[in-house]
Protein backbone atom coordinates (compact mmCIF):
# COMPACT_ATOMS: atom_id res chain seq x y z
CA MET A 1 -5.36 -28.54 -27.25
CA THR A 2 -5.65 -26.66 -30.54
CA GLU A 3 -5.98 -28.42 -33.78
CA GLU A 4 -6.13 -27.16 -37.34
CA ARG A 5 -7.90 -28.95 -40.12
CA ILE A 6 -7.32 -28.14 -43.90
CA THR A 7 -9.93 -29.54 -46.29
CA GLU A 8 -9.33 -29.36 -49.98
CA THR A 9 -12.24 -30.34 -52.36
CA THR A 10 -12.33 -30.29 -56.19
CA ASP A 11 -15.62 -29.83 -58.02
CA SER A 12 -16.52 -31.32 -61.43
CA ALA A 13 -15.33 -28.33 -63.28
CA GLY A 14 -11.81 -28.65 -61.61
CA ASN A 15 -12.04 -25.62 -59.28
CA THR A 16 -10.26 -26.40 -55.91
CA HIS A 17 -11.75 -25.04 -52.71
CA THR A 18 -9.77 -25.02 -49.56
CA THR A 19 -11.32 -24.76 -45.97
CA HIS A 20 -9.48 -24.00 -42.88
CA THR A 21 -11.04 -25.08 -39.62
CA VAL A 22 -9.43 -24.43 -36.09
CA VAL A 23 -10.71 -26.74 -33.36
CA SER A 24 -9.99 -25.86 -29.62
CA ASP A 25 -11.06 -28.16 -26.51
CA GLY A 26 -11.53 -25.23 -24.04
CA ALA A 27 -10.85 -21.76 -22.88
CA ASN A 28 -7.42 -20.15 -22.69
CA ARG A 29 -5.97 -20.50 -19.26
CA SER A 30 -3.94 -17.67 -18.35
CA GLY A 31 -2.12 -19.00 -15.10
CA GLY A 32 -3.51 -16.35 -12.90
CA THR A 33 -2.34 -13.47 -14.68
CA ASN A 34 -5.71 -11.99 -14.79
CA TRP A 35 -6.03 -12.31 -10.98
CA ALA A 36 -2.50 -10.77 -10.43
CA ILE A 37 -3.50 -7.81 -12.52
CA ILE A 38 -6.64 -7.33 -10.77
CA LEU A 39 -4.95 -7.53 -7.50
CA LEU A 40 -2.20 -4.86 -8.67
CA VAL A 41 -4.97 -2.35 -9.92
CA LEU A 42 -6.72 -2.82 -6.52
CA VAL A 43 -3.58 -2.20 -4.43
CA VAL A 44 -2.77 0.97 -6.50
CA ALA A 45 -6.40 2.26 -6.21
CA ILE A 46 -6.14 1.78 -2.30
CA VAL A 47 -2.63 3.38 -2.22
CA GLY A 48 -4.02 6.38 -4.37
CA ILE A 49 -7.01 6.71 -2.12
CA PHE A 50 -4.78 6.75 0.96
CA PHE A 51 -2.42 9.70 -0.46
CA LEU A 52 -5.32 11.58 -1.45
CA SER A 53 -6.93 11.44 1.94
CA GLN A 54 -3.56 12.15 3.59
CA MET A 55 -3.27 15.18 1.29
CA ASN A 56 -6.65 16.38 2.21
CA ASN A 57 -6.00 16.14 5.90
CA ALA A 58 -2.80 18.33 5.51
CA GLU A 59 -4.86 20.90 3.81
CA VAL A 60 -7.56 20.90 6.65
CA ALA A 61 -4.51 21.34 9.04
CA LYS A 62 -3.05 24.04 7.11
CA ASP A 63 -6.49 25.94 7.09
CA ASN A 64 -6.87 25.42 10.72
CA ALA A 65 -3.33 26.82 11.37
CA ILE A 66 -4.08 29.87 9.24
CA ALA A 67 -7.38 30.38 11.18
CA GLY A 68 -5.70 30.21 14.38
CA ALA A 69 -3.14 32.75 13.49
CA ALA A 70 -5.78 35.28 12.15
CA ASP A 71 -7.48 34.84 15.33
CA GLN A 72 -4.49 35.48 17.31
CA VAL A 73 -3.91 38.64 15.28
CA GLY A 74 -7.42 39.77 15.88
CA ASN A 75 -6.92 39.41 19.69
CA ALA A 76 -3.58 41.37 19.56
CA ALA A 77 -5.24 44.05 17.66
CA GLY A 78 -8.06 44.28 20.36
CA GLN A 79 -5.42 44.51 22.94
CA VAL A 80 -3.49 47.15 21.12
CA GLY A 81 -6.98 49.15 21.01
CA GLU A 82 -7.64 48.63 24.44
CA ALA A 83 -4.10 49.85 25.44
CA ALA A 84 -4.33 52.90 23.26
CA GLN A 85 -7.76 53.80 24.86
CA ASN A 86 -6.39 53.33 28.47
CA ALA A 87 -3.41 55.72 27.38
CA GLY A 88 -5.83 58.26 25.96
CA ASN A 89 -7.87 58.23 29.25
CA ALA A 90 -4.79 58.47 31.38
CA VAL A 91 -3.79 61.63 29.47
CA GLU A 92 -7.09 63.10 29.97
CA ASP A 93 -7.05 62.42 33.60
CA ALA A 94 -3.52 64.02 33.88
CA VAL A 95 -4.57 67.04 32.04
CA ALA A 96 -7.89 67.47 33.99
CA ASN A 97 -5.99 67.28 37.45
């Protein structure tokens, strides 16, 4: 409960002085609003961390896919080089005989 007290005093010269005093019997009660806000902020933080980690996993998967494709291109280039070498050797053998 809050109570406001107003006190007026007059001195001998006729000057009036007014004093305002507010008296409260305890702390303000928020009815759990603070806990609800804290819980909401915590849930939002957890969801944010989850989505950031999922985005990071997607980036890693994309990087791995690109590395795999580059490896396959490198292997294909190696096979083309071997085929060209074999064709060159076959031509040399055909001309020599």
